[in-house]
Amino acid sequence: VAEEKSKGGIILNTKDPKINAPTIGIVLDVGTECDQPVKELIGKKVMFSRFAGDWIKIPNIEKEYYLCSDEDILGELYV
């Protein structure tokens, strides 16, 4: 993992995928065990914890998706 130093001398880990993980996304689907308020977020833009979830790649699909727990969703964005 590569490191950089800030002007103040703090060592920054810039290559960790969790550091560059998204914090805003659109809910594409939810699990069957999710409560109704979470199900109502499908298709809506939400903010979630930076260190939540992981990237997943589904075989035979060109895109990668970010998967996180419903508990890591901080709220819906109205923009």
C-alpha atoms as a PDB file:
ATOM      1  CA  VAL A   1       0.000   0.000   0.000  1.00  0.00           C
ATOM      2  CA  ALA A   2       1.517   3.321  -1.086  1.00  0.00           C
ATOM      3  CA  GLU A   3       1.903   6.183   1.339  1.00  0.00           C
ATOM      4  CA  GLU A   4       2.123   9.941   0.901  1.00  0.00           C
ATOM      5  CA  LYS A   5       2.993  12.638   3.413  1.00  0.00           C
ATOM      6  CA  SER A   6       0.871  15.712   3.985  1.00  0.00           C
ATOM      7  CA  LYS A   7       2.482  19.144   4.357  1.00  0.00           C
ATOM      8  CA  GLY A   8       2.267  18.667   8.108  1.00  0.00           C
ATOM      9  CA  GLY A   9       4.135  15.346   7.918  1.00  0.00           C
ATOM     10  CA  ILE A  10       1.132  13.064   8.419  1.00  0.00           C
ATOM     11  CA  ILE A  11       1.461   9.809   6.488  1.00  0.00           C
ATOM     12  CA  LEU A  12      -1.561   9.283   4.225  1.00  0.00           C
ATOM     13  CA  ASN A  13      -2.604   5.927   2.871  1.00  0.00           C
ATOM     14  CA  THR A  14      -3.951   6.949  -0.560  1.00  0.00           C
ATOM     15  CA  LYS A  15      -4.095   3.541  -2.230  1.00  0.00           C
ATOM     16  CA  ASP A  16      -6.477   1.856   0.202  1.00  0.00           C
ATOM     17  CA  PRO A  17      -9.754   1.261  -1.688  1.00  0.00           C
ATOM     18  CA  LYS A  18     -11.755   2.099   1.442  1.00  0.00           C
ATOM     19  CA  ILE A  19     -10.237   5.606   1.487  1.00  0.00           C
ATOM     20  CA  ASN A  20     -11.525   6.272  -2.031  1.00  0.00           C
ATOM     21  CA  ALA A  21     -14.848   4.526  -1.505  1.00  0.00           C
ATOM     22  CA  PRO A  22     -17.982   6.421  -2.451  1.00  0.00           C
ATOM     23  CA  THR A  23     -20.130   7.991   0.232  1.00  0.00           C
ATOM     24  CA  ILE A  24     -23.067   8.838  -2.021  1.00  0.00           C
ATOM     25  CA  GLY A  25     -24.944   6.443  -4.268  1.00  0.00           C
ATOM     26  CA  ILE A  26     -28.289   5.434  -5.657  1.00  0.00           C
ATOM     27  CA  VAL A  27     -30.023   2.466  -4.053  1.00  0.00           C
ATOM     28  CA  LEU A  28     -30.580  -0.121  -6.791  1.00  0.00           C
ATOM     29  CA  ASP A  29     -32.150  -2.846  -4.670  1.00  0.00           C
ATOM     30  CA  VAL A  30     -32.465  -4.053  -1.082  1.00  0.00           C
ATOM     31  CA  GLY A  31     -32.592  -7.443   0.571  1.00  0.00           C
ATOM     32  CA  THR A  32     -35.815  -9.216   1.419  1.00  0.00           C
ATOM     33  CA  GLU A  33     -35.182  -8.815   5.164  1.00  0.00           C
ATOM     34  CA  CYS A  34     -35.015  -4.987   5.011  1.00  0.00           C
ATOM     35  CA  ASP A  35     -37.681  -2.909   6.729  1.00  0.00           C
ATOM     36  CA  GLN A  36     -40.182  -0.869   4.710  1.00  0.00           C
ATOM     37  CA  PRO A  37     -38.406   2.508   5.203  1.00  0.00           C
ATOM     38  CA  VAL A  38     -35.274   1.062   3.598  1.00  0.00           C
ATOM     39  CA  LYS A  39     -37.280  -0.463   0.734  1.00  0.00           C
ATOM     40  CA  GLU A  40     -38.660   3.014   0.005  1.00  0.00           C
ATOM     41  CA  LEU A  41     -35.099   4.186  -0.766  1.00  0.00           C
ATOM     42  CA  ILE A  42     -34.896   2.149  -3.999  1.00  0.00           C
ATOM     43  CA  GLY A  43     -34.042   4.558  -6.805  1.00  0.00           C
ATOM     44  CA  LYS A  44     -33.147   7.368  -4.411  1.00  0.00           C
ATOM     45  CA  LYS A  45     -29.798   9.017  -3.709  1.00  0.00           C
ATOM     46  CA  VAL A  46     -28.390   8.257  -0.245  1.00  0.00           C
ATOM     47  CA  MET A  47     -25.308   8.986   1.825  1.00  0.00           C
ATOM     48  CA  PHE A  48     -23.565   6.184   3.669  1.00  0.00           C
ATOM     49  CA  SER A  49     -20.597   5.712   5.951  1.00  0.00           C
ATOM     50  CA  ARG A  50     -17.218   5.935   4.192  1.00  0.00           C
ATOM     51  CA  PHE A  51     -15.984   2.675   5.718  1.00  0.00           C
ATOM     52  CA  ALA A  52     -19.162   0.730   5.045  1.00  0.00           C
ATOM     53  CA  GLY A  53     -19.500  -1.938   2.406  1.00  0.00           C
ATOM     54  CA  ASP A  54     -17.342  -3.382  -0.330  1.00  0.00           C
ATOM     55  CA  TRP A  55     -17.109  -3.388  -4.103  1.00  0.00           C
ATOM     56  CA  ILE A  56     -18.525  -6.518  -5.732  1.00  0.00           C
ATOM     57  CA  LYS A  57     -18.240  -7.746  -9.301  1.00  0.00           C
ATOM     58  CA  ILE A  58     -20.950 -10.029 -10.586  1.00  0.00           C
ATOM     59  CA  PRO A  59     -19.869 -12.573 -13.214  1.00  0.00           C
ATOM     60  CA  ASN A  60     -20.990 -11.771 -16.788  1.00  0.00           C
ATOM     61  CA  ILE A  61     -21.713  -8.123 -15.895  1.00  0.00           C
ATOM     62  CA  GLU A  62     -19.239  -5.402 -16.843  1.00  0.00           C
ATOM     63  CA  LYS A  63     -20.035  -3.096 -13.902  1.00  0.00           C
ATOM     64  CA  GLU A  64     -18.941  -3.198 -10.291  1.00  0.00           C
ATOM     65  CA  TYR A  65     -21.399  -2.433  -7.522  1.00  0.00           C
ATOM     66  CA  TYR A  66     -20.944  -1.087  -4.019  1.00  0.00           C
ATOM     67  CA  LEU A  67     -22.715  -3.226  -1.434  1.00  0.00           C
ATOM     68  CA  CYS A  68     -23.358  -2.022   2.104  1.00  0.00           C
ATOM     69  CA  SER A  69     -25.634  -2.824   5.001  1.00  0.00           C
ATOM     70  CA  ASP A  70     -28.857  -0.879   5.434  1.00  0.00           C
ATOM     71  CA  GLU A  71     -27.563   0.109   8.870  1.00  0.00           C
ATOM     72  CA  ASP A  72     -24.713   2.026   7.183  1.00  0.00           C
ATOM     73  CA  ILE A  73     -27.085   4.316   5.266  1.00  0.00           C
ATOM     74  CA  LEU A  74     -26.934   7.717   6.968  1.00  0.00           C
ATOM     75  CA  GLY A  75     -29.841   9.288   5.134  1.00  0.00           C
ATOM     76  CA  GLU A  76     -31.533  10.224   1.880  1.00  0.00           C
ATOM     77  CA  LEU A  77     -30.216  13.185  -0.122  1.00  0.00           C
ATOM     78  CA  TYR A  78     -32.676  15.636  -1.594  1.00  0.00           C
ATOM     79  CA  VAL A  79     -30.720  17.254  -4.439  1.00  0.00           C
END
